[in-house]
C-alpha atoms as a PDB file:
ATOM      1  CA  MET A   1      10.380  47.371 -75.437  1.00  0.00           C
ATOM      2  CA  ALA A   2      11.564  46.155 -72.087  1.00  0.00           C
ATOM      3  CA  GLN A   3      15.117  45.132 -71.269  1.00  0.00           C
ATOM      4  CA  LEU A   4      15.972  42.243 -69.004  1.00  0.00           C
ATOM      5  CA  THR A   5      19.076  41.540 -67.131  1.00  0.00           C
ATOM      6  CA  VAL A   6      19.837  38.077 -65.786  1.00  0.00           C
ATOM      7  CA  ARG A   7      22.548  37.815 -63.078  1.00  0.00           C
ATOM      8  CA  ASN A   8      24.337  34.933 -61.604  1.00  0.00           C
ATOM      9  CA  VAL A   9      24.009  32.580 -64.599  1.00  0.00           C
ATOM     10  CA  ASP A  10      26.162  29.499 -64.328  1.00  0.00           C
ATOM     11  CA  ASP A  11      29.084  29.628 -66.797  1.00  0.00           C
ATOM     12  CA  ALA A  12      28.092  26.290 -68.311  1.00  0.00           C
ATOM     13  CA  ILE A  13      24.609  27.572 -68.981  1.00  0.00           C
ATOM     14  CA  ALA A  14      25.937  30.800 -70.578  1.00  0.00           C
ATOM     15  CA  ALA A  15      28.284  28.660 -72.776  1.00  0.00           C
ATOM     16  CA  ALA A  16      25.408  26.351 -73.808  1.00  0.00           C
ATOM     17  CA  LEU A  17      23.308  29.345 -74.791  1.00  0.00           C
ATOM     18  CA  LYS A  18      26.131  30.803 -76.907  1.00  0.00           C
ATOM     19  CA  GLU A  19      26.644  27.448 -78.622  1.00  0.00           C
ATOM     20  CA  ARG A  20      22.956  27.044 -79.296  1.00  0.00           C
ATOM     21  CA  ALA A  21      22.829  30.528 -80.752  1.00  0.00           C
ATOM     22  CA  MET A  22      25.784  29.838 -82.993  1.00  0.00           C
ATOM     23  CA  LYS A  23      24.208  26.603 -84.254  1.00  0.00           C
ATOM     24  CA  SER A  24      20.970  28.503 -84.965  1.00  0.00           C
ATOM     25  CA  GLY A  25      22.800  31.280 -86.765  1.00  0.00           C
ATOM     26  CA  ARG A  26      21.532  33.866 -84.317  1.00  0.00           C
ATOM     27  CA  SER A  27      23.232  36.140 -81.889  1.00  0.00           C
ATOM     28  CA  ALA A  28      23.211  35.189 -78.260  1.00  0.00           C
ATOM     29  CA  GLU A  29      20.726  37.925 -77.492  1.00  0.00           C
ATOM     30  CA  ALA A  30      18.414  36.818 -80.343  1.00  0.00           C
ATOM     31  CA  GLU A  31      18.618  33.286 -79.093  1.00  0.00           C
ATOM     32  CA  HIS A  32      17.708  34.377 -75.550  1.00  0.00           C
ATOM     33  CA  ARG A  33      14.591  36.156 -76.933  1.00  0.00           C
ATOM     34  CA  LYS A  34      13.685  33.064 -78.965  1.00  0.00           C
ATOM     35  CA  ILE A  35      13.948  30.870 -75.885  1.00  0.00           C
ATOM     36  CA  LEU A  36      11.700  33.213 -73.860  1.00  0.00           C
ATOM     37  CA  GLU A  37       9.165  33.456 -76.630  1.00  0.00           C
ATOM     38  CA  GLU A  38       8.996  29.649 -77.000  1.00  0.00           C
ATOM     39  CA  ALA A  39       8.647  29.199 -73.257  1.00  0.00           C
ATOM     40  CA  LEU A  40       6.022  31.910 -72.702  1.00  0.00           C
ATOM     41  CA  ARG A  41       4.043  31.823 -75.955  1.00  0.00           C
ATOM     42  CA  PRO A  42       4.207  28.210 -77.159  1.00  0.00           C
ATOM     43  CA  GLY A  43       2.867  27.757 -80.701  1.00  0.00           C
ATOM     44  CA  GLN A  44       2.267  31.485 -81.372  1.00  0.00           C
ATOM     45  CA  ASN A  45       5.633  32.278 -83.104  1.00  0.00           C
ATOM     46  CA  PRO A  46       6.626  29.746 -85.719  1.00  0.00           C
ATOM     47  CA  ASP A  47      10.395  29.657 -86.336  1.00  0.00           C
ATOM     48  CA  PHE A  48      10.882  31.493 -89.641  1.00  0.00           C
ATOM     49  CA  PHE A  49      14.288  29.981 -90.335  1.00  0.00           C
ATOM     50  CA  SER A  50      13.156  26.409 -89.644  1.00  0.00           C
ATOM     51  CA  GLU A  51      10.197  26.881 -91.961  1.00  0.00           C
ATOM     52  CA  ALA A  52      12.517  28.381 -94.604  1.00  0.00           C
ATOM     53  CA  ARG A  53      14.845  25.395 -94.363  1.00  0.00           C
ATOM     54  CA  THR A  54      12.010  22.959 -94.755  1.00  0.00           C
ATOM     55  CA  ARG A  55      10.673  24.770 -97.828  1.00  0.00           C
ATOM     56  CA  ARG A  56      14.197  24.982 -99.303  1.00  0.00           C
ATOM     57  CA  VAL A  57      14.590  21.258 -99.065  1.00  0.00           C
ATOM     58  CA  LYS A  58      11.240  20.875-100.920  1.00  0.00           C
ATOM     59  CA  LEU A  59      12.622  23.085-103.730  1.00  0.00           C
ATOM     60  CA  GLN A  60      15.658  21.010-104.359  1.00  0.00           C
ATOM     61  CA  PRO A  61      15.632  18.553-107.341  1.00  0.00           C
ATOM     62  CA  GLY A  62      13.004  15.948-106.813  1.00  0.00           C
ATOM     63  CA  GLY A  63      11.180  18.126-104.285  1.00  0.00           C
ATOM     64  CA  SER A  64       7.948  20.026-104.621  1.00  0.00           C
ATOM     65  CA  SER A  65       7.529  22.655-107.333  1.00  0.00           C
ATOM     66  CA  THR A  66       6.748  26.228-106.422  1.00  0.00           C
ATOM     67  CA  THR A  67       3.289  25.705-107.879  1.00  0.00           C
ATOM     68  CA  GLU A  68       2.712  22.803-105.398  1.00  0.00           C
ATOM     69  CA  LEU A  69       4.023  24.857-102.516  1.00  0.00           C
ATOM     70  CA  LEU A  70       1.673  27.805-103.356  1.00  0.00           C
ATOM     71  CA  ARG A  71      -1.267  25.344-103.615  1.00  0.00           C
ATOM     72  CA  GLU A  72      -0.374  23.910-100.207  1.00  0.00           C
ATOM     73  CA  ASP A  73      -0.240  27.365 -98.644  1.00  0.00           C
ATOM     74  CA  ARG A  74      -3.604  28.305-100.225  1.00  0.00           C
ATOM     75  CA  ASN A  75      -5.206  25.082 -98.996  1.00  0.00           C
ATOM     76  CA  ARG A  76      -3.759  25.552 -95.494  1.00  0.00           C
ATOM     77  CA  ASP A  77      -5.181  29.168 -95.336  1.00  0.00           C
ATOM     78  CA  GLN A  78      -8.529  27.991 -96.548  1.00  0.00           C
ATOM     79  CA  ALA A  79      -8.691  25.308 -93.823  1.00  0.00           C
ATOM     80  CA  ARG A  80      -8.305  27.855 -91.047  1.00  0.00           C
END
């Protein structure tokens, strides 16, 4: 894999990137990769953690059962 170096980044931008990474539960480096992927390959890489959070909410009391979630996945796959 390639390595990228970005020089002369404004301190406020660097701080905002670190804060965004912290809020996302990722390292600053992982957050930088995520931002680049989203910018250069929109729609190709769904955010695993966002999807997991969405599904976890469904599994809380009053949410969907695992059977319903499996059925939704199967139906989504068949629709493709």
